[in-house]
Amino acid sequence: MVGSERDDYLEPPLGSLYTLRDEWDGGWGRPKKELVTLVHQACLKQTNCALG
């Protein structure tokens, strides 16, 4: 497996969510319901990219 293939999860859409943990853990920023929705949408996009 090529190194870049192992790091695909760091690329958008899921990779772009990295900083959401700060919002979630810190209790600041967007409401948790909105963060959950963003993560769900990113997961759907990520799996569609892997399948397509």
N, C-alpha and C. Protein backbone atom coordinates (compact mmCIF):
# COMPACT_ATOMS: atom_id res chain seq x y z
N MET A 1 0.85 -1.18 0.00
CA MET A 1 0.00 0.00 0.00
C MET A 1 0.89 1.24 0.00
N VAL A 2 0.60 2.15 -0.84
CA VAL A 2 1.35 3.39 -0.95
C VAL A 2 1.02 4.28 0.24
N GLY A 3 2.01 5.03 0.73
CA GLY A 3 1.82 5.87 1.91
C GLY A 3 0.62 6.79 1.82
N SER A 4 0.39 7.39 0.67
CA SER A 4 -0.73 8.33 0.55
C SER A 4 -2.08 7.63 0.69
N GLU A 5 -2.13 6.35 0.31
CA GLU A 5 -3.39 5.61 0.45
C GLU A 5 -3.72 5.37 1.91
N ARG A 6 -2.72 5.19 2.74
CA ARG A 6 -2.95 4.98 4.17
C ARG A 6 -3.44 6.26 4.85
N ASP A 7 -3.14 7.39 4.28
CA ASP A 7 -3.50 8.67 4.88
C ASP A 7 -4.74 9.29 4.26
N ASP A 8 -5.46 8.55 3.44
CA ASP A 8 -6.65 9.09 2.79
C ASP A 8 -7.68 9.60 3.78
N TYR A 9 -7.75 9.01 4.96
CA TYR A 9 -8.72 9.45 5.95
C TYR A 9 -8.42 10.85 6.47
N LEU A 10 -7.20 11.33 6.26
CA LEU A 10 -6.84 12.68 6.69
C LEU A 10 -7.28 13.74 5.69
N GLU A 11 -7.68 13.31 4.51
CA GLU A 11 -8.15 14.22 3.48
C GLU A 11 -9.63 14.53 3.70
N PRO A 12 -10.09 15.65 3.14
CA PRO A 12 -11.52 15.94 3.23
C PRO A 12 -12.32 14.83 2.55
N PRO A 13 -13.50 14.57 2.98
CA PRO A 13 -14.28 15.36 3.93
C PRO A 13 -13.98 15.08 5.41
N LEU A 14 -13.59 13.87 5.80
CA LEU A 14 -13.38 13.60 7.22
C LEU A 14 -12.20 14.36 7.79
N GLY A 15 -11.14 14.49 7.04
CA GLY A 15 -9.96 15.20 7.53
C GLY A 15 -10.24 16.65 7.87
N SER A 16 -11.21 17.22 7.21
CA SER A 16 -11.54 18.62 7.47
C SER A 16 -12.27 18.82 8.80
N LEU A 17 -12.67 17.72 9.43
CA LEU A 17 -13.40 17.80 10.70
C LEU A 17 -12.49 17.75 11.91
N TYR A 18 -11.20 17.68 11.71
CA TYR A 18 -10.25 17.48 12.79
C TYR A 18 -10.44 18.46 13.95
N THR A 19 -10.68 19.71 13.65
CA THR A 19 -10.80 20.72 14.70
C THR A 19 -12.16 20.72 15.40
N LEU A 20 -13.10 19.94 14.91
CA LEU A 20 -14.41 19.90 15.57
C LEU A 20 -14.31 19.32 16.97
N ARG A 21 -13.32 18.50 17.20
CA ARG A 21 -13.16 17.92 18.54
C ARG A 21 -12.95 19.03 19.58
N ASP A 22 -12.22 20.06 19.20
CA ASP A 22 -12.01 21.19 20.12
C ASP A 22 -13.33 21.83 20.49
N GLU A 23 -14.18 22.03 19.50
CA GLU A 23 -15.50 22.62 19.77
C GLU A 23 -16.31 21.69 20.67
N TRP A 24 -16.29 20.40 20.34
CA TRP A 24 -17.10 19.43 21.08
C TRP A 24 -16.64 19.34 22.54
N ASP A 25 -15.34 19.13 22.72
CA ASP A 25 -14.79 18.96 24.07
C ASP A 25 -14.81 20.26 24.87
N GLY A 26 -14.58 21.37 24.19
CA GLY A 26 -14.49 22.65 24.88
C GLY A 26 -15.84 23.26 25.21
N GLY A 27 -16.89 22.80 24.53
CA GLY A 27 -18.21 23.34 24.80
C GLY A 27 -18.43 24.73 24.21
N TRP A 28 -17.54 25.15 23.32
CA TRP A 28 -17.70 26.45 22.68
C TRP A 28 -18.00 26.22 21.21
N GLY A 29 -18.42 27.23 20.54
CA GLY A 29 -18.68 27.11 19.10
C GLY A 29 -20.11 26.68 18.81
N ARG A 30 -20.24 25.90 17.76
CA ARG A 30 -21.57 25.50 17.29
C ARG A 30 -22.22 24.50 18.23
N PRO A 31 -23.55 24.45 18.20
CA PRO A 31 -24.26 23.48 19.03
C PRO A 31 -23.88 22.05 18.64
N LYS A 32 -23.91 21.13 19.62
CA LYS A 32 -23.51 19.74 19.36
C LYS A 32 -24.37 19.10 18.28
N LYS A 33 -25.64 19.46 18.21
CA LYS A 33 -26.51 18.89 17.18
C LYS A 33 -25.98 19.24 15.79
N GLU A 34 -25.50 20.45 15.62
CA GLU A 34 -24.94 20.87 14.33
C GLU A 34 -23.64 20.13 14.04
N LEU A 35 -22.81 19.93 15.06
CA LEU A 35 -21.56 19.19 14.87
C LEU A 35 -21.83 17.74 14.49
N VAL A 36 -22.83 17.14 15.11
CA VAL A 36 -23.21 15.76 14.79
C VAL A 36 -23.64 15.67 13.33
N THR A 37 -24.41 16.64 12.88
CA THR A 37 -24.88 16.66 11.50
C THR A 37 -23.70 16.80 10.54
N LEU A 38 -22.75 17.66 10.85
CA LEU A 38 -21.57 17.84 10.00
C LEU A 38 -20.75 16.55 9.90
N VAL A 39 -20.58 15.86 11.02
CA VAL A 39 -19.83 14.61 11.02
C VAL A 39 -20.56 13.55 10.20
N HIS A 40 -21.86 13.47 10.38
CA HIS A 40 -22.67 12.49 9.63
C HIS A 40 -22.56 12.75 8.13
N GLN A 41 -22.68 14.00 7.72
CA GLN A 41 -22.58 14.33 6.29
C GLN A 41 -21.19 14.00 5.74
N ALA A 42 -20.16 14.28 6.52
CA ALA A 42 -18.80 13.99 6.07
C ALA A 42 -18.58 12.48 5.94
N CYS A 43 -19.15 11.71 6.85
CA CYS A 43 -19.03 10.25 6.77
C CYS A 43 -19.70 9.72 5.51
N LEU A 44 -20.87 10.25 5.21
CA LEU A 44 -21.56 9.82 3.99
C LEU A 44 -20.74 10.16 2.75
N LYS A 45 -20.17 11.36 2.72
CA LYS A 45 -19.36 11.76 1.58
C LYS A 45 -18.11 10.89 1.47
N GLN A 46 -17.49 10.60 2.61
CA GLN A 46 -16.26 9.81 2.62
C GLN A 46 -16.54 8.40 2.09
N THR A 47 -17.62 7.79 2.53
CA THR A 47 -17.92 6.44 2.08
C THR A 47 -18.33 6.43 0.62
N ASN A 48 -18.99 7.45 0.17
CA ASN A 48 -19.33 7.54 -1.25
C ASN A 48 -18.08 7.70 -2.10
N CYS A 49 -17.10 8.44 -1.62
CA CYS A 49 -15.84 8.59 -2.34
C CYS A 49 -15.12 7.26 -2.42
N ALA A 50 -15.15 6.49 -1.35
CA ALA A 50 -14.47 5.20 -1.34
C ALA A 50 -15.14 4.20 -2.27
N LEU A 51 -16.44 4.28 -2.39
CA LEU A 51 -17.18 3.36 -3.24
C LEU A 51 -17.13 3.75 -4.71
N GLY A 52 -17.07 5.04 -4.93
CA GLY A 52 -17.18 5.54 -6.31
C GLY A 52 -15.89 5.66 -6.97
